[in-house]
Every structure is written in C-alpha cells, then in structure tokens.
Amino acid sequence: MSVTVYPTSDYNSWISYIDTCRYFDSHIDADTWHSAPQNLREAALITAFHQLQELAVDLSDLRNEISFEKADGSTTTPKDELVNALKRGQCEQALHILRHGIYSSEINRFSLGGLLSVSLNKGETSPGDYSERCLSVLHSYIQVKTVAKVR
C-alpha cells in the first residue's frame, strides 16, 4: 500500500514519505528511520496514522481557517497548527513502531495461581504502545473520554 496524503480522498497519512524523511534529517537519533528499508518506513508511517486515529484526536480544527498571529509575528490558522501537530506526531509514532514494533506493551508481571510468579526488575519496563514524544506533541488535541455513571 502506498502513502496517500491528506487532503486527498481515502488518505492514509498526514505527511508524505519525502517530508517524513526531511523531518528525520534534522533529528538526532533517527538512525532507525534512515536504516530501515523504504517499504518498512512507509508501512510504519501508515500504521502510525491508523494508531493516531485510535487516540481520539479532536479534528474539529480542520474546519477552522480563521487566521491569527503567533507570538513570533507569523500568521497561521488552527487548521494548519493541527495538521502540523498531526504530521509531527505521526513521524514520532512511525519511529516508535520501527524501534519497538506495534505490540510494544509487554507484561511486567506473570503469575500462575501462586505456583510460579515472574516479574521484570525496575528499569526493564516496556516502552508502551505510543511514543511519549507523539503524545507530547498531540496532548492538547487528544480528547479525554469520560464515562457517565447512571443509577
């Protein structure tokens, strides 16, 4: 499957493969991205896009094109700010996938009814399903799900 970039119909990525490579060109510790074959990088990018969809990111700003001035004097829109955050988040998540796989949450403790118990030492924890950097980039757009208690 090839990368199809937003706003093209049936898109599967917020950022193009070439722009992702440019993103990692300016980053330290991006050797994992550059050393992986292109087909794996593209697959990681598409998988990262789908994983971001599971995060309940508020996409309402995609319709907001009212311009405003940033602190540095440049002009932008809420839509541009959101798309840029999604691009960065997708890049960071794709790198996380290449480093740790898509099932990176591991069991830290296992027990068989008291007969056998195995646990990891401190410092041997799994990296989690999502890149901490990705979550940091998208934190202001992620909606917190709430559960209403009805009696």
C-alpha atoms as a PDB file:
ATOM      1  CA  MET A   1       0.000   0.000   0.000  1.00  0.00           C
ATOM      2  CA  SER A   2       1.344   3.407  -0.860  1.00  0.00           C
ATOM      3  CA  VAL A   3       1.163   6.550   1.245  1.00  0.00           C
ATOM      4  CA  THR A   4      -1.793   8.799   0.315  1.00  0.00           C
ATOM      5  CA  VAL A   5      -1.554  12.213   1.957  1.00  0.00           C
ATOM      6  CA  TYR A   6      -4.356  14.372   3.404  1.00  0.00           C
ATOM      7  CA  PRO A   7      -6.437  16.087   1.928  1.00  0.00           C
ATOM      8  CA  THR A   8      -6.567  13.549  -0.925  1.00  0.00           C
ATOM      9  CA  SER A   9      -9.621  11.297  -0.667  1.00  0.00           C
ATOM     10  CA  ASP A  10      -9.019   7.948   1.065  1.00  0.00           C
ATOM     11  CA  TYR A  11      -5.851   9.339   2.646  1.00  0.00           C
ATOM     12  CA  ASN A  12      -3.779   7.189   4.986  1.00  0.00           C
ATOM     13  CA  SER A  13      -1.234   9.749   6.142  1.00  0.00           C
ATOM     14  CA  TRP A  14      -0.982  13.320   7.362  1.00  0.00           C
ATOM     15  CA  ILE A  15       2.522  13.669   5.884  1.00  0.00           C
ATOM     16  CA  SER A  16       4.263  12.463   2.732  1.00  0.00           C
ATOM     17  CA  TYR A  17       7.078   9.942   2.805  1.00  0.00           C
ATOM     18  CA  ILE A  18       9.541  12.544   1.463  1.00  0.00           C
ATOM     19  CA  ASP A  19       8.537  15.125   4.091  1.00  0.00           C
ATOM     20  CA  THR A  20       8.923  12.462   6.783  1.00  0.00           C
ATOM     21  CA  CYS A  21      12.461  11.758   5.591  1.00  0.00           C
ATOM     22  CA  ARG A  22      13.164  15.513   5.716  1.00  0.00           C
ATOM     23  CA  TYR A  23      11.729  15.640   9.245  1.00  0.00           C
ATOM     24  CA  PHE A  24      14.172  12.958  10.382  1.00  0.00           C
ATOM     25  CA  ASP A  25      17.110  14.538   8.512  1.00  0.00           C
ATOM     26  CA  SER A  26      17.106  17.281  11.141  1.00  0.00           C
ATOM     27  CA  HIS A  27      16.802  14.954  14.134  1.00  0.00           C
ATOM     28  CA  ILE A  28      19.453  13.323  16.271  1.00  0.00           C
ATOM     29  CA  ASP A  29      18.905   9.621  16.906  1.00  0.00           C
ATOM     30  CA  ALA A  30      16.892   8.991  13.750  1.00  0.00           C
ATOM     31  CA  ASP A  31      19.216   6.210  12.544  1.00  0.00           C
ATOM     32  CA  THR A  32      16.419   3.672  12.950  1.00  0.00           C
ATOM     33  CA  TRP A  33      14.347   5.552  10.385  1.00  0.00           C
ATOM     34  CA  HIS A  34      17.165   6.018   7.889  1.00  0.00           C
ATOM     35  CA  SER A  35      18.481   2.445   8.155  1.00  0.00           C
ATOM     36  CA  ALA A  36      15.105   0.726   7.594  1.00  0.00           C
ATOM     37  CA  PRO A  37      14.115  -0.252   4.033  1.00  0.00           C
ATOM     38  CA  GLN A  38      11.714   2.159   2.329  1.00  0.00           C
ATOM     39  CA  ASN A  39       8.813  -0.320   2.287  1.00  0.00           C
ATOM     40  CA  LEU A  40       9.074  -0.745   6.087  1.00  0.00           C
ATOM     41  CA  ARG A  41       9.273   3.014   6.611  1.00  0.00           C
ATOM     42  CA  GLU A  42       6.146   3.548   4.500  1.00  0.00           C
ATOM     43  CA  ALA A  43       4.332   0.736   6.349  1.00  0.00           C
ATOM     44  CA  ALA A  44       5.338   2.262   9.708  1.00  0.00           C
ATOM     45  CA  LEU A  45       4.078   5.663   8.546  1.00  0.00           C
ATOM     46  CA  ILE A  46       0.685   4.261   7.527  1.00  0.00           C
ATOM     47  CA  THR A  47       0.429   2.174  10.700  1.00  0.00           C
ATOM     48  CA  ALA A  48       1.251   5.268  12.773  1.00  0.00           C
ATOM     49  CA  PHE A  49      -1.576   7.138  11.018  1.00  0.00           C
ATOM     50  CA  HIS A  50      -4.037   4.401  11.986  1.00  0.00           C
ATOM     51  CA  GLN A  51      -2.755   4.339  15.553  1.00  0.00           C
ATOM     52  CA  LEU A  52      -3.254   8.109  15.812  1.00  0.00           C
ATOM     53  CA  GLN A  53      -6.886   7.579  14.779  1.00  0.00           C
ATOM     54  CA  GLU A  54      -7.300   5.404  17.889  1.00  0.00           C
ATOM     55  CA  LEU A  55      -6.201   8.288  20.139  1.00  0.00           C
ATOM     56  CA  ALA A  56      -9.447  10.249  19.843  1.00  0.00           C
ATOM     57  CA  VAL A  57      -7.692  13.341  18.497  1.00  0.00           C
ATOM     58  CA  ASP A  58     -10.082  16.289  18.182  1.00  0.00           C
ATOM     59  CA  LEU A  59     -10.120  17.083  14.450  1.00  0.00           C
ATOM     60  CA  SER A  60     -12.671  19.892  14.639  1.00  0.00           C
ATOM     61  CA  ASP A  61      -9.966  22.472  13.882  1.00  0.00           C
ATOM     62  CA  LEU A  62      -9.635  21.004  10.372  1.00  0.00           C
ATOM     63  CA  ARG A  63     -12.626  23.195   9.515  1.00  0.00           C
ATOM     64  CA  ASN A  64     -11.232  26.316  11.200  1.00  0.00           C
ATOM     65  CA  GLU A  65      -9.310  28.502   8.761  1.00  0.00           C
ATOM     66  CA  ILE A  66      -9.549  31.792  10.655  1.00  0.00           C
ATOM     67  CA  SER A  67      -6.087  33.362  10.638  1.00  0.00           C
ATOM     68  CA  PHE A  68      -4.345  34.535  13.781  1.00  0.00           C
ATOM     69  CA  GLU A  69      -0.943  35.941  14.582  1.00  0.00           C
ATOM     70  CA  LYS A  70       1.502  33.851  16.599  1.00  0.00           C
ATOM     71  CA  ALA A  71       3.915  35.235  19.197  1.00  0.00           C
ATOM     72  CA  ASP A  72       6.727  35.296  16.611  1.00  0.00           C
ATOM     73  CA  GLY A  73       4.673  37.526  14.293  1.00  0.00           C
ATOM     74  CA  SER A  74       3.843  34.837  11.728  1.00  0.00           C
ATOM     75  CA  THR A  75       0.264  34.148  10.674  1.00  0.00           C
ATOM     76  CA  THR A  76      -1.357  30.726  10.857  1.00  0.00           C
ATOM     77  CA  THR A  77      -4.740  29.019  11.261  1.00  0.00           C
ATOM     78  CA  PRO A  78      -5.962  26.455  13.801  1.00  0.00           C
ATOM     79  CA  LYS A  79      -6.213  24.016  10.880  1.00  0.00           C
ATOM     80  CA  ASP A  80      -2.533  24.492   9.974  1.00  0.00           C
ATOM     81  CA  GLU A  81      -1.491  24.150  13.632  1.00  0.00           C
ATOM     82  CA  LEU A  82      -3.432  20.879  13.977  1.00  0.00           C
ATOM     83  CA  VAL A  83      -2.151  19.396  10.711  1.00  0.00           C
ATOM     84  CA  ASN A  84       1.447  20.276  11.652  1.00  0.00           C
ATOM     85  CA  ALA A  85       1.000  18.625  15.061  1.00  0.00           C
ATOM     86  CA  LEU A  86      -0.521  15.534  13.414  1.00  0.00           C
ATOM     87  CA  LYS A  87       2.419  15.339  10.985  1.00  0.00           C
ATOM     88  CA  ARG A  88       4.973  15.549  13.804  1.00  0.00           C
ATOM     89  CA  GLY A  89       3.042  13.079  15.929  1.00  0.00           C
ATOM     90  CA  GLN A  90       2.778  10.627  13.051  1.00  0.00           C
ATOM     91  CA  CYS A  91       6.529  10.850  12.393  1.00  0.00           C
ATOM     92  CA  GLU A  92       7.347  10.204  16.047  1.00  0.00           C
ATOM     93  CA  GLN A  93       4.913   7.289  16.204  1.00  0.00           C
ATOM     94  CA  ALA A  94       6.334   5.771  12.989  1.00  0.00           C
ATOM     95  CA  LEU A  95       9.825   5.891  14.511  1.00  0.00           C
ATOM     96  CA  HIS A  96       8.476   4.271  17.684  1.00  0.00           C
ATOM     97  CA  ILE A  97       6.946   1.471  15.591  1.00  0.00           C
ATOM     98  CA  LEU A  98      10.229   0.836  13.791  1.00  0.00           C
ATOM     99  CA  ARG A  99      12.103   0.722  17.098  1.00  0.00           C
ATOM    100  CA  HIS A 100       9.668  -1.347  19.165  1.00  0.00           C
ATOM    101  CA  GLY A 101       7.067  -2.941  16.869  1.00  0.00           C
ATOM    102  CA  ILE A 102       3.320  -2.397  17.046  1.00  0.00           C
ATOM    103  CA  TYR A 103       2.753  -4.563  20.121  1.00  0.00           C
ATOM    104  CA  SER A 104       5.295  -2.944  22.392  1.00  0.00           C
ATOM    105  CA  SER A 105       3.269  -3.099  25.613  1.00  0.00           C
ATOM    106  CA  GLU A 106       4.535  -6.142  27.383  1.00  0.00           C
ATOM    107  CA  ILE A 107       3.529  -7.929  30.528  1.00  0.00           C
ATOM    108  CA  ASN A 108       5.589  -6.780  33.512  1.00  0.00           C
ATOM    109  CA  ARG A 109       4.333  -9.494  35.876  1.00  0.00           C
ATOM    110  CA  PHE A 110       3.019 -13.007  35.280  1.00  0.00           C
ATOM    111  CA  SER A 111       1.617 -15.464  37.802  1.00  0.00           C
ATOM    112  CA  LEU A 112       0.235 -18.997  37.574  1.00  0.00           C
ATOM    113  CA  GLY A 113      -2.109 -19.242  40.544  1.00  0.00           C
ATOM    114  CA  GLY A 114       0.670 -18.818  43.078  1.00  0.00           C
ATOM    115  CA  LEU A 115       2.721 -21.712  41.682  1.00  0.00           C
ATOM    116  CA  LEU A 116       5.025 -19.526  39.643  1.00  0.00           C
ATOM    117  CA  SER A 117       5.447 -15.785  39.605  1.00  0.00           C
ATOM    118  CA  VAL A 118       7.762 -13.878  37.281  1.00  0.00           C
ATOM    119  CA  SER A 119       8.203 -10.119  37.150  1.00  0.00           C
ATOM    120  CA  LEU A 120      10.587  -7.717  35.466  1.00  0.00           C
ATOM    121  CA  ASN A 121      13.068  -5.720  37.510  1.00  0.00           C
ATOM    122  CA  LYS A 122      12.736  -1.939  37.681  1.00  0.00           C
ATOM    123  CA  GLY A 123      14.171  -0.387  34.561  1.00  0.00           C
ATOM    124  CA  GLU A 124      13.037  -3.309  32.398  1.00  0.00           C
ATOM    125  CA  THR A 125       9.631  -1.863  31.591  1.00  0.00           C
ATOM    126  CA  SER A 126       8.157  -1.934  28.120  1.00  0.00           C
ATOM    127  CA  PRO A 127       8.093   1.237  26.018  1.00  0.00           C
ATOM    128  CA  GLY A 128       4.302   1.321  25.629  1.00  0.00           C
ATOM    129  CA  ASP A 129       2.147   1.366  22.515  1.00  0.00           C
ATOM    130  CA  TYR A 130       2.594   5.085  21.829  1.00  0.00           C
ATOM    131  CA  SER A 131       5.684   7.219  21.585  1.00  0.00           C
ATOM    132  CA  GLU A 132       5.965   9.611  24.520  1.00  0.00           C
ATOM    133  CA  ARG A 133       7.089  12.267  22.050  1.00  0.00           C
ATOM    134  CA  CYS A 134       3.999  11.652  19.877  1.00  0.00           C
ATOM    135  CA  LEU A 135       1.705  12.010  22.887  1.00  0.00           C
ATOM    136  CA  SER A 136       3.523  15.158  23.948  1.00  0.00           C
ATOM    137  CA  VAL A 137       3.107  16.738  20.512  1.00  0.00           C
ATOM    138  CA  LEU A 138      -0.618  15.918  20.375  1.00  0.00           C
ATOM    139  CA  HIS A 139      -1.534  16.349  24.054  1.00  0.00           C
ATOM    140  CA  SER A 140      -3.646  19.475  23.554  1.00  0.00           C
ATOM    141  CA  TYR A 141      -5.705  17.797  20.807  1.00  0.00           C
ATOM    142  CA  ILE A 142      -6.378  14.437  22.483  1.00  0.00           C
ATOM    143  CA  GLN A 143      -9.874  14.210  23.919  1.00  0.00           C
ATOM    144  CA  VAL A 144     -10.284  12.582  27.291  1.00  0.00           C
ATOM    145  CA  LYS A 145     -13.061  10.041  27.240  1.00  0.00           C
ATOM    146  CA  THR A 146     -15.419  10.202  30.179  1.00  0.00           C
ATOM    147  CA  VAL A 147     -17.867   7.675  31.464  1.00  0.00           C
ATOM    148  CA  ALA A 148     -21.167   8.814  32.917  1.00  0.00           C
ATOM    149  CA  LYS A 149     -22.442   6.891  35.895  1.00  0.00           C
ATOM    150  CA  VAL A 150     -26.195   6.371  35.676  1.00  0.00           C
ATOM    151  CA  ARG A 151     -28.218   4.966  38.558  1.00  0.00           C
END
